[in-house]
Amino acid sequence: MKAYSFKSLSILSLVFVLFPTVSYSAPSDAFIPVMQLLLLDDADAATIGAPGNFIQLTGSIDSSNKQWDRLLEDCTSDNDGVDHYYEAHSIINNTGATQKIEILAQWANGDGYLHLVKSNFNPANPTLPDNPTEPYPGCITGDDDFGLAFSLIDGGSNDHPSIEPGEVLTIMASTYSANDQIGSYTIDIETLAE
């Protein structure tokens, strides 16, 4: 179960005004069409703060989560099969300006893995690259861990990932090992001052 400590109510309200009859709950093993998946991501997106602020997301990775063929840090396939549990958290930039972000995950009980992807990336059926050695389209970057207890997406060498005004990105919290249930985690997203 994932939780947000700060989230956008304006997007959620807009979705209910425009799509009042759309249902947003489904069994964990249900097929969710890509368009509905995008609506879920936008409606549940946590709003990043102004530069110098951060938000925190929480969750737990266990057997109740869906599984995906987890990618490597460079967004290429690990050729390991659909056997890694994950949770997806969407963030949106409503600040009106392009922002640089840093994402830090803290794994309480195991070896986690973090990815940052575009909102149209579908972990259940990702678009395959033209060449198997190339990154998957829609995947921005990943991070295995920073000493087992942490994963850090900072772009390295001060080239932090950016998020455009109104853009929605998705943070994939997953595991290093297949079928691993690592339990609770927190993800801090800091909006960096220029």
Foldseek 3Di string as FASTA:
>chain_A
DKDWPAADPVQLVVCCVVPVPDDLDDQQPDDDDLVSLLSNQRNQAGEADDAPDKTKMKDFWAPSAFWFQDADFQQAGPPPDGFKGKDKHKHAYQPQFKWFKKKKKFQDFWWKKKWKFFSSADRVDFDADPDRVHHTPGTDGMFRADVRGMTMQQVPPNPGDMAGNGGMMMMMMIGPDGNDGRTMMMMMMHTHDD
